[in-house]
C-alpha atoms as a PDB file:
ATOM      1  CA  MET A   1      -5.086  12.125 -13.453  1.00  0.00           C
ATOM      2  CA  ILE A   2      -3.275  13.688 -10.482  1.00  0.00           C
ATOM      3  CA  GLU A   3      -6.290  13.163  -8.239  1.00  0.00           C
ATOM      4  CA  ARG A   4      -6.277   9.461  -9.136  1.00  0.00           C
ATOM      5  CA  ILE A   5      -2.621   9.222  -8.140  1.00  0.00           C
ATOM      6  CA  PHE A   6      -3.331  10.795  -4.750  1.00  0.00           C
ATOM      7  CA  ILE A   7      -6.476   8.732  -4.171  1.00  0.00           C
ATOM      8  CA  THR A   8      -4.621   5.522  -5.028  1.00  0.00           C
ATOM      9  CA  SER A   9      -1.631   6.426  -2.880  1.00  0.00           C
ATOM     10  CA  LEU A  10      -3.644   7.429   0.170  1.00  0.00           C
ATOM     11  CA  THR A  11      -6.002   4.469  -0.109  1.00  0.00           C
ATOM     12  CA  VAL A  12      -3.085   2.055  -0.129  1.00  0.00           C
ATOM     13  CA  PHE A  13      -1.604   3.877   2.881  1.00  0.00           C
ATOM     14  CA  ALA A  14      -4.941   3.460   4.655  1.00  0.00           C
ATOM     15  CA  ILE A  15      -4.971  -0.270   3.882  1.00  0.00           C
ATOM     16  CA  TRP A  16      -1.355  -0.602   5.030  1.00  0.00           C
ATOM     17  CA  TYR A  17      -1.954   1.305   8.264  1.00  0.00           C
ATOM     18  CA  SER A  18      -5.145  -0.559   9.102  1.00  0.00           C
ATOM     19  CA  MET A  19      -3.206  -3.852   9.042  1.00  0.00           C
ATOM     20  CA  LEU A  20      -0.630  -2.722  11.614  1.00  0.00           C
ATOM     21  CA  GLU A  21      -0.626  -4.496  14.947  1.00  0.00           C
ATOM     22  CA  GLY A  22      -3.254  -2.959  17.217  1.00  0.00           C
ATOM     23  CA  GLU A  23      -5.293  -1.444  14.383  1.00  0.00           C
ATOM     24  CA  VAL A  24      -8.706  -2.523  13.102  1.00  0.00           C
ATOM     25  CA  PHE A  25      -7.384  -5.080  10.605  1.00  0.00           C
ATOM     26  CA  GLY A  26      -4.291  -6.003  12.588  1.00  0.00           C
ATOM     27  CA  TRP A  27      -5.680  -9.510  12.848  1.00  0.00           C
ATOM     28  CA  LEU A  28      -5.671  -9.737   9.046  1.00  0.00           C
ATOM     29  CA  GLY A  29      -2.058  -8.592   8.855  1.00  0.00           C
ATOM     30  CA  LYS A  30      -1.151 -11.199  11.443  1.00  0.00           C
ATOM     31  CA  PHE A  31      -3.068 -13.877   9.536  1.00  0.00           C
ATOM     32  CA  ILE A  32      -1.298 -12.967   6.294  1.00  0.00           C
ATOM     33  CA  HIS A  33       2.032 -12.947   8.121  1.00  0.00           C
ATOM     34  CA  ASN A  34       1.462 -16.420   9.542  1.00  0.00           C
ATOM     35  CA  HIS A  35       0.005 -18.024   6.398  1.00  0.00           C
ATOM     36  CA  THR A  36       2.090 -16.671   3.533  1.00  0.00           C
ATOM     37  CA  PRO A  37       5.742 -17.043   2.559  1.00  0.00           C
ATOM     38  CA  THR A  38       8.117 -14.248   3.540  1.00  0.00           C
ATOM     39  CA  TRP A  39       8.467 -12.968  -0.019  1.00  0.00           C
ATOM     40  CA  ALA A  40       4.722 -12.206  -0.108  1.00  0.00           C
ATOM     41  CA  HIS A  41       4.659 -10.008   3.010  1.00  0.00           C
ATOM     42  CA  SER A  42       5.735  -6.764   1.336  1.00  0.00           C
ATOM     43  CA  PRO A  43       3.143  -6.716  -1.464  1.00  0.00           C
ATOM     44  CA  LEU A  44       0.326  -7.986   0.766  1.00  0.00           C
ATOM     45  CA  TYR A  45       0.604  -5.923   3.957  1.00  0.00           C
ATOM     46  CA  ASP A  46       4.078  -4.720   4.861  1.00  0.00           C
ATOM     47  CA  CYS A  47       5.202  -2.093   2.327  1.00  0.00           C
ATOM     48  CA  PRO A  48       3.023   0.799   1.087  1.00  0.00           C
ATOM     49  CA  VAL A  49       5.179   1.124  -2.035  1.00  0.00           C
ATOM     50  CA  CYS A  50       5.098  -2.599  -2.858  1.00  0.00           C
ATOM     51  CA  MET A  51       1.338  -2.759  -2.242  1.00  0.00           C
ATOM     52  CA  ILE A  52       0.477  -0.193  -4.954  1.00  0.00           C
ATOM     53  CA  PRO A  53       0.613  -2.534  -7.977  1.00  0.00           C
ATOM     54  CA  TYR A  54      -1.799  -4.964  -6.301  1.00  0.00           C
ATOM     55  CA  TYR A  55      -4.219  -2.944  -4.182  1.00  0.00           C
ATOM     56  CA  GLY A  56      -3.847   0.105  -6.418  1.00  0.00           C
ATOM     57  CA  THR A  57      -4.733  -1.896  -9.508  1.00  0.00           C
ATOM     58  CA  ALA A  58      -7.810  -3.370  -7.843  1.00  0.00           C
ATOM     59  CA  LEU A  59      -8.878   0.089  -6.699  1.00  0.00           C
ATOM     60  CA  TYR A  60      -8.215   1.632 -10.101  1.00  0.00           C
ATOM     61  CA  TRP A  61     -10.154  -0.980 -12.045  1.00  0.00           C
ATOM     62  CA  LEU A  62     -13.090  -0.874  -9.618  1.00  0.00           C
ATOM     63  CA  ALA A  63     -13.276   2.912  -9.522  1.00  0.00           C
ATOM     64  CA  TRP A  64     -12.304   3.955 -13.039  1.00  0.00           C
ATOM     65  CA  GLY A  65     -12.497   0.851 -15.219  1.00  0.00           C
ATOM     66  CA  VAL A  66      -9.856  -0.890 -17.279  1.00  0.00           C
ATOM     67  CA  ASN A  67      -7.881   1.594 -19.324  1.00  0.00           C
ATOM     68  CA  TRP A  68      -4.310   0.330 -19.641  1.00  0.00           C
ATOM     69  CA  GLN A  69      -2.669   3.629 -20.526  1.00  0.00           C
ATOM     70  CA  GLN A  70      -4.313   5.637 -17.754  1.00  0.00           C
ATOM     71  CA  TRP A  71      -3.842   2.766 -15.298  1.00  0.00           C
ATOM     72  CA  LEU A  72      -0.101   2.726 -15.988  1.00  0.00           C
ATOM     73  CA  LEU A  73       0.090   6.524 -15.735  1.00  0.00           C
ATOM     74  CA  THR A  74      -1.577   6.290 -12.323  1.00  0.00           C
ATOM     75  CA  ILE A  75       0.062   3.259 -10.710  1.00  0.00           C
ATOM     76  CA  ILE A  76       3.703   4.139 -11.384  1.00  0.00           C
ATOM     77  CA  PRO A  77       3.432   7.745 -10.121  1.00  0.00           C
ATOM     78  CA  ALA A  78       1.440   6.508  -7.095  1.00  0.00           C
ATOM     79  CA  MET A  79       4.346   4.184  -6.288  1.00  0.00           C
ATOM     80  CA  GLY A  80       6.695   7.148  -6.590  1.00  0.00           C
ATOM     81  CA  LEU A  81       4.493   9.249  -4.334  1.00  0.00           C
ATOM     82  CA  ASN A  82       4.509   6.503  -1.710  1.00  0.00           C
ATOM     83  CA  VAL A  83       8.308   6.353  -1.938  1.00  0.00           C
ATOM     84  CA  VAL A  84       8.507  10.100  -1.315  1.00  0.00           C
ATOM     85  CA  ILE A  85       6.064   9.930   1.607  1.00  0.00           C
ATOM     86  CA  THR A  86       7.797   6.993   3.284  1.00  0.00           C
ATOM     87  CA  ARG A  87      11.235   8.617   2.864  1.00  0.00           C
ATOM     88  CA  MET A  88       9.969  11.738   4.632  1.00  0.00           C
ATOM     89  CA  TRP A  89       9.312   9.821   7.888  1.00  0.00           C
ATOM     90  CA  PRO A  90      11.997  10.103  10.541  1.00  0.00           C
ATOM     91  CA  LYS A  91      13.863   6.816  10.930  1.00  0.00           C
ATOM     92  CA  GLU A  92      12.948   6.602  14.634  1.00  0.00           C
ATOM     93  CA  GLU A  93       9.225   6.597  13.826  1.00  0.00           C
ATOM     94  CA  VAL A  94       9.591   3.894  11.200  1.00  0.00           C
ATOM     95  CA  GLU A  95      11.352   1.655  13.726  1.00  0.00           C
ATOM     96  CA  VAL A  96       8.472   2.133  16.208  1.00  0.00           C
ATOM     97  CA  ILE A  97       5.944   0.545  13.842  1.00  0.00           C
ATOM     98  CA  ASN A  98       5.356  -2.902  15.274  1.00  0.00           C
ATOM     99  CA  ARG A  99       4.983  -5.877  13.028  1.00  0.00           C
ATOM    100  CA  PHE A 100       4.188  -9.411  14.000  1.00  0.00           C
END
């Protein structure tokens, strides 16, 4: 179970990072930014913690199938792990990340 939490967390971080300006899917992040309401930005491309329930669920169901109990015991801790990781970044580095 712990490996699923780490895989989910790191995969969502990879998706988040790849949609930063100047990265490989930066164009997709910009497209989402320009074509969705503001409230949808965090879960779609802007917040690694907020993205877990959506991208993490898709990843979980594709990789390990639909098992509601194990899914819940993976998604919630993965969100917590992403909170811990993002809180460990120095504030100056977080402010450097450019968004659209």
